[in-house]
Amino acid sequence: MNAVIFIPVLLVASTLAGLIGSLTGLGGGIVIVPLLVLGFGVDVRYAIGASLIAVIATSSGAAAAFVRDGYTNIRVGMLLEVATTAGALAGAAIAIYMPAAGISLLFGAVLLYTAVATFIRSKPVSLSMEPDLLATRLQLNGDYPTEKGVKAPYYPRRTIPAFCVMFGAGVLSALAGIGSGIVKVLAMDKLMGLPFKVSTATSNFMIGVTASASAGVYFYRGQIEPRSAAPVAVGALAGAFLGARLLPKINVAMLRRGFSCVVCVVGVQMIYRGVAGLFGSAA
């Protein structure tokens, strides 16, 4: 496609991806990869390379603002990132022994169920006032600014189960070829009981670390093309800054439902990939 059309369209799309990624904590790959592969015919490996650049830009642009505004729980993020990274290494090691199609189907079904459950529950999470003993010892408890402008305390719960779930998230990420941002947000929101805005902000902080490691591999392989990666980085960074400004003003119920829609799209993609893989292997 002509660069005169390609670059402006990619700039707009990556800005949208950065906005969605910063608000939901998922990065921008859900927009960038399908656009490049289906819209512009880019090889999927180069599309993933550009997507990783978008995730890094989204995390870099939004994370600093979220930390400054008091939404990010850095201690929770660093603790869970250890589990996710270990799980990703384990998943990469066993990937050759697992049927990718079956994993995609199972993961897609779980995502669809979670998306519906998250969409239906519009009321805020009832935060326990009884701190988790381990979370207290690790100093994971915190507070965040509410929409009314006051600081509300929160107390993470079920720290050990959440750590185990994050290990599984890393394994699934490596096996199914999907970013673990979705599972990170869901684990912090549903399992640990963190406020939803804290969950998305902390996920934004975490995904940049994972994407940076992966991007290094793609760069070494020569699968990051400047022609597509450069406008993606610029657009995603702009969208991330916009998302950081919008998050404090957005209603939690609206944010939760928007997140559900994004998760639903990813779930459908995973099921489609699994069905296509099963029929492809049968053929």
Protein backbone atom coordinates (compact mmCIF):
# COMPACT_ATOMS: atom_id res chain seq x y z
CA MET A 1 0.00 0.00 0.00
CA ASN A 2 1.10 3.55 -0.70
CA ALA A 3 3.02 5.05 2.23
CA VAL A 4 0.90 8.22 1.93
CA ILE A 5 -2.12 6.15 3.02
CA PHE A 6 -0.35 3.51 5.10
CA ILE A 7 1.37 5.77 7.63
CA PRO A 8 -1.57 8.09 8.49
CA VAL A 9 -3.99 5.17 8.86
CA LEU A 10 -1.48 3.33 11.05
CA LEU A 11 -0.95 6.45 13.16
CA VAL A 12 -4.69 6.77 13.83
CA ALA A 13 -5.10 3.05 14.56
CA SER A 14 -2.11 2.93 16.88
CA THR A 15 -3.39 6.00 18.74
CA LEU A 16 -6.67 4.15 19.31
CA ALA A 17 -4.69 1.07 20.36
CA GLY A 18 -2.68 3.09 22.86
CA LEU A 19 -5.85 4.63 24.27
CA ILE A 20 -7.58 1.26 24.68
CA GLY A 21 -4.41 -0.32 26.03
CA SER A 22 -3.82 2.34 28.69
CA LEU A 23 -7.44 2.30 29.88
CA THR A 24 -7.80 -1.48 30.03
CA GLY A 25 -4.24 -2.49 30.92
CA LEU A 26 -4.03 -4.86 27.93
CA GLY A 27 -1.59 -3.11 25.61
CA GLY A 28 -2.50 -2.33 22.00
CA GLY A 29 -1.87 -5.64 20.25
CA ILE A 30 -5.57 -6.47 19.92
CA VAL A 31 -5.91 -3.56 17.47
CA ILE A 32 -2.47 -3.44 15.84
CA VAL A 33 -2.00 -7.10 14.88
CA PRO A 34 -5.37 -7.63 13.08
CA LEU A 35 -5.02 -4.25 11.35
CA LEU A 36 -1.56 -5.00 9.97
CA VAL A 37 -2.30 -8.61 9.03
CA LEU A 38 -5.83 -8.27 7.64
CA GLY A 39 -5.81 -4.63 6.55
CA PHE A 40 -2.31 -4.24 5.12
CA GLY A 41 -1.23 -7.82 4.45
CA VAL A 42 1.80 -7.61 6.76
CA ASP A 43 3.41 -10.90 7.79
CA VAL A 44 2.13 -11.89 11.24
CA ARG A 45 5.66 -12.03 12.69
CA TYR A 46 6.31 -8.41 11.70
CA ALA A 47 2.84 -7.47 12.92
CA ILE A 48 3.60 -8.96 16.34
CA GLY A 49 6.93 -7.10 16.38
CA ALA A 50 5.13 -3.82 15.74
CA SER A 51 2.52 -4.75 18.34
CA LEU A 52 5.23 -5.22 20.96
CA ILE A 53 6.50 -1.72 20.18
CA ALA A 54 2.94 -0.45 20.73
CA VAL A 55 2.73 -2.23 24.10
CA ILE A 56 6.06 -0.75 25.21
CA ALA A 57 4.98 2.73 24.13
CA THR A 58 1.60 2.32 25.85
CA SER A 59 3.21 1.17 29.08
CA SER A 60 5.87 3.89 28.96
CA GLY A 61 3.36 6.63 28.25
CA ALA A 62 0.71 5.63 30.77
CA ALA A 63 2.69 3.99 33.56
CA ALA A 64 4.49 7.15 34.69
CA ALA A 65 1.24 9.12 34.86
CA PHE A 66 -0.60 6.33 36.71
CA VAL A 67 2.23 6.03 39.26
CA ARG A 68 2.25 9.80 39.75
CA ASP A 69 -1.53 9.91 40.22
CA GLY A 70 -1.50 7.08 42.75
CA TYR A 71 -3.29 4.36 40.79
CA THR A 72 -0.41 1.91 40.28
CA ASN A 73 0.55 -0.50 43.05
CA ILE A 74 4.22 -1.04 42.22
CA ARG A 75 4.76 -3.71 44.87
CA VAL A 76 1.86 -5.82 43.59
CA GLY A 77 3.09 -5.38 40.03
CA MET A 78 6.65 -6.48 40.78
CA LEU A 79 5.48 -9.46 42.83
CA LEU A 80 3.09 -10.74 40.17
CA GLU A 81 5.55 -10.06 37.34
CA VAL A 82 7.91 -12.63 38.88
CA ALA A 83 5.20 -15.29 38.62
CA THR A 84 4.18 -14.27 35.09
CA THR A 85 7.75 -14.32 33.79
CA ALA A 86 8.44 -17.72 35.35
CA GLY A 87 5.22 -19.05 33.84
CA ALA A 88 6.11 -17.69 30.40
CA LEU A 89 9.48 -19.46 30.52
CA ALA A 90 7.77 -22.71 31.56
CA GLY A 91 5.15 -22.31 28.83
CA ALA A 92 7.80 -21.73 26.18
CA ALA A 93 9.57 -24.91 27.30
CA ILE A 94 6.47 -27.13 27.04
CA ALA A 95 4.84 -25.42 24.04
CA ILE A 96 6.07 -28.07 21.60
CA TYR A 97 4.27 -30.82 23.55
CA MET A 98 0.85 -29.15 23.80
CA PRO A 99 -1.86 -28.92 21.11
CA ALA A 100 -2.16 -25.20 20.46
CA ALA A 101 -5.67 -25.51 19.00
CA GLY A 102 -7.11 -27.08 22.14
CA ILE A 103 -5.46 -24.49 24.36
CA SER A 104 -6.86 -21.67 22.22
CA LEU A 105 -10.39 -23.10 22.44
CA LEU A 106 -10.25 -23.54 26.20
CA PHE A 107 -8.71 -20.13 26.81
CA GLY A 108 -11.21 -18.45 24.47
CA ALA A 109 -14.15 -20.04 26.28
CA VAL A 110 -12.81 -18.89 29.66
CA LEU A 111 -12.35 -15.36 28.34
CA LEU A 112 -15.91 -15.22 26.97
CA TYR A 113 -17.34 -16.40 30.29
CA THR A 114 -15.24 -13.86 32.17
CA ALA A 115 -16.22 -11.07 29.79
CA VAL A 116 -19.93 -11.74 30.38
CA ALA A 117 -19.48 -11.96 34.15
CA THR A 118 -17.48 -8.74 34.24
CA PHE A 119 -19.98 -6.91 32.00
CA ILE A 120 -22.98 -7.92 34.13
CA ARG A 121 -21.35 -6.87 37.40
CA SER A 122 -21.57 -3.11 37.25
CA LYS A 123 -21.44 -2.52 41.02
CA PRO A 124 -18.06 -1.79 42.60
CA VAL A 125 -16.18 -4.62 44.26
CA SER A 126 -16.82 -4.85 47.98
CA LEU A 127 -13.35 -4.29 49.36
CA SER A 128 -12.51 -6.30 52.46
CA MET A 129 -11.38 -4.26 55.44
CA GLU A 130 -9.51 -7.30 56.75
CA PRO A 131 -5.98 -7.17 55.30
CA ASP A 132 -4.36 -10.36 54.02
CA LEU A 133 -1.55 -11.24 56.45
CA LEU A 134 1.01 -11.92 53.71
CA ALA A 135 -0.03 -8.81 51.75
CA THR A 136 0.46 -6.74 54.90
CA ARG A 137 3.92 -8.21 55.50
CA LEU A 138 4.87 -7.48 51.88
CA GLN A 139 3.39 -3.96 52.21
CA LEU A 140 0.96 -4.49 49.32
CA ASN A 141 -1.90 -2.54 50.92
CA GLY A 142 -2.52 0.90 49.45
CA ASP A 143 -4.99 3.62 48.55
CA TYR A 144 -6.10 5.33 45.36
CA PRO A 145 -7.93 8.54 44.36
CA THR A 146 -11.64 7.99 43.76
CA GLU A 147 -13.88 9.90 41.38
CA LYS A 148 -14.90 12.12 44.30
CA GLY A 149 -11.30 13.22 44.78
CA VAL A 150 -10.69 11.41 48.08
CA LYS A 151 -8.24 8.59 48.78
CA ALA A 152 -9.83 5.20 49.39
CA PRO A 153 -7.82 2.40 51.04
CA TYR A 154 -7.78 -1.13 49.64
CA TYR A 155 -6.39 -4.39 50.96
CA PRO A 156 -5.21 -7.09 48.52
CA ARG A 157 -6.41 -10.57 49.39
CA ARG A 158 -5.49 -14.15 48.45
CA THR A 159 -1.89 -13.24 47.62
CA ILE A 160 -0.62 -16.81 47.22
CA PRO A 161 -3.52 -17.97 44.97
CA ALA A 162 -3.07 -14.82 42.87
CA PHE A 163 0.65 -15.57 42.51
CA CYS A 164 -0.19 -19.11 41.32
CA VAL A 165 -2.80 -17.77 38.86
CA MET A 166 -0.23 -15.34 37.46
CA PHE A 167 2.17 -18.23 36.90
CA GLY A 168 -0.61 -19.94 34.94
CA ALA A 169 -1.20 -16.69 33.05
CA GLY A 170 2.40 -16.70 31.92
CA VAL A 171 2.14 -20.33 30.80
CA LEU A 172 -1.05 -19.61 28.84
CA SER A 173 0.55 -16.53 27.33
CA ALA A 174 3.40 -18.58 25.92
CA LEU A 175 1.23 -21.53 24.83
CA ALA A 176 -1.65 -19.58 23.28
CA GLY A 177 0.37 -16.70 21.86
CA ILE A 178 -1.63 -14.01 23.66
CA GLY A 179 -0.51 -11.25 25.97
CA SER A 180 -1.06 -11.98 29.65
CA GLY A 181 -2.44 -8.49 30.38
CA ILE A 182 -6.00 -9.82 30.31
CA VAL A 183 -5.31 -12.45 32.96
CA LYS A 184 -3.32 -9.96 35.03
CA VAL A 185 -6.22 -7.53 35.20
CA LEU A 186 -8.75 -10.27 35.91
CA ALA A 187 -6.58 -11.81 38.65
CA MET A 188 -6.04 -8.50 40.41
CA ASP A 189 -9.70 -7.49 40.04
CA LYS A 190 -11.54 -10.71 40.78
CA LEU A 191 -9.08 -12.69 42.90
CA MET A 192 -7.13 -10.08 44.85
CA GLY A 193 -10.08 -7.70 45.09
CA LEU A 194 -8.18 -4.62 43.91
CA PRO A 195 -10.18 -1.63 42.61
CA PHE A 196 -10.58 -1.93 38.84
CA LYS A 197 -8.66 1.25 38.08
CA VAL A 198 -5.78 0.04 40.24
CA SER A 199 -5.83 -3.30 38.39
CA THR A 200 -5.63 -1.71 34.93
CA ALA A 201 -2.98 0.81 35.98
CA THR A 202 -0.83 -1.87 37.61
CA SER A 203 -1.19 -4.09 34.54
CA ASN A 204 0.02 -1.18 32.40
CA PHE A 205 3.08 -0.98 34.59
CA MET A 206 3.73 -4.72 34.22
CA ILE A 207 3.17 -5.32 30.50
CA GLY A 208 6.00 -3.03 29.43
CA VAL A 209 8.53 -5.29 31.17
CA THR A 210 7.25 -8.41 29.42
CA ALA A 211 6.99 -6.74 26.02
CA SER A 212 10.50 -5.31 26.26
CA ALA A 213 11.97 -8.78 26.73
CA SER A 214 9.99 -10.18 23.80
CA ALA A 215 10.78 -7.19 21.56
CA GLY A 216 14.49 -7.84 22.02
CA VAL A 217 14.07 -11.30 20.50
CA TYR A 218 12.07 -9.96 17.53
CA PHE A 219 14.62 -7.20 16.98
CA TYR A 220 17.45 -9.73 16.96
CA ARG A 221 15.56 -11.75 14.34
CA GLY A 222 15.05 -8.66 12.19
CA GLN A 223 11.26 -8.84 12.56
CA ILE A 224 10.71 -5.24 13.67
CA GLU A 225 10.32 -3.12 10.56
CA PRO A 226 10.86 0.65 11.06
CA ARG A 227 8.27 1.51 8.37
CA SER A 228 5.47 0.07 10.49
CA ALA A 229 7.02 0.19 13.98
CA ALA A 230 7.80 3.93 13.92
CA PRO A 231 4.23 5.22 13.36
CA VAL A 232 2.95 2.56 15.77
CA ALA A 233 5.27 3.85 18.51
CA VAL A 234 4.28 7.49 17.95
CA GLY A 235 0.54 6.78 17.80
CA ALA A 236 0.52 4.37 20.77
CA LEU A 237 2.42 6.86 22.91
CA ALA A 238 -0.06 9.62 22.07
CA GLY A 239 -3.00 7.32 22.85
CA ALA A 240 -1.40 6.26 26.13
CA PHE A 241 -1.01 9.87 27.28
CA LEU A 242 -4.66 10.51 26.37
CA GLY A 243 -5.77 7.41 28.27
CA ALA A 244 -3.80 8.49 31.34
CA ARG A 245 -5.70 11.78 31.33
CA LEU A 246 -9.09 10.10 30.85
CA LEU A 247 -8.79 7.30 33.44
CA PRO A 248 -9.44 9.49 36.53
CA LYS A 249 -12.58 10.89 34.89
CA ILE A 250 -14.09 7.66 33.58
CA ASN A 251 -16.84 5.91 35.53
CA VAL A 252 -15.71 2.51 36.82
CA ALA A 253 -18.81 0.70 35.50
CA MET A 254 -18.21 2.14 32.02
CA LEU A 255 -14.53 1.17 32.17
CA ARG A 256 -15.40 -2.34 33.31
CA ARG A 257 -17.88 -2.81 30.45
CA GLY A 258 -15.41 -1.48 27.91
CA PHE A 259 -12.86 -3.96 29.24
CA SER A 260 -15.44 -6.75 28.89
CA CYS A 261 -16.00 -5.90 25.22
CA VAL A 262 -12.27 -6.02 24.51
CA VAL A 263 -11.91 -9.36 26.33
CA CYS A 264 -14.88 -10.72 24.38
CA VAL A 265 -13.20 -9.82 21.08
CA VAL A 266 -10.01 -11.58 22.17
CA GLY A 267 -12.00 -14.62 23.29
CA VAL A 268 -13.69 -14.90 19.89
CA GLN A 269 -10.30 -14.60 18.20
CA MET A 270 -8.89 -17.39 20.36
CA ILE A 271 -11.83 -19.71 19.63
CA TYR A 272 -11.56 -18.97 15.90
CA ARG A 273 -7.84 -19.73 16.03
CA GLY A 274 -8.53 -23.00 17.86
CA VAL A 275 -11.24 -24.13 15.44
CA ALA A 276 -9.07 -23.24 12.45
CA GLY A 277 -6.19 -25.17 13.99
CA LEU A 278 -8.32 -28.27 14.60
CA PHE A 279 -9.70 -28.31 11.06
CA GLY A 280 -6.25 -27.58 9.67
CA SER A 281 -4.73 -30.50 11.56
CA ALA A 282 -7.61 -32.77 10.53
CA ALA A 283 -7.05 -31.86 6.91
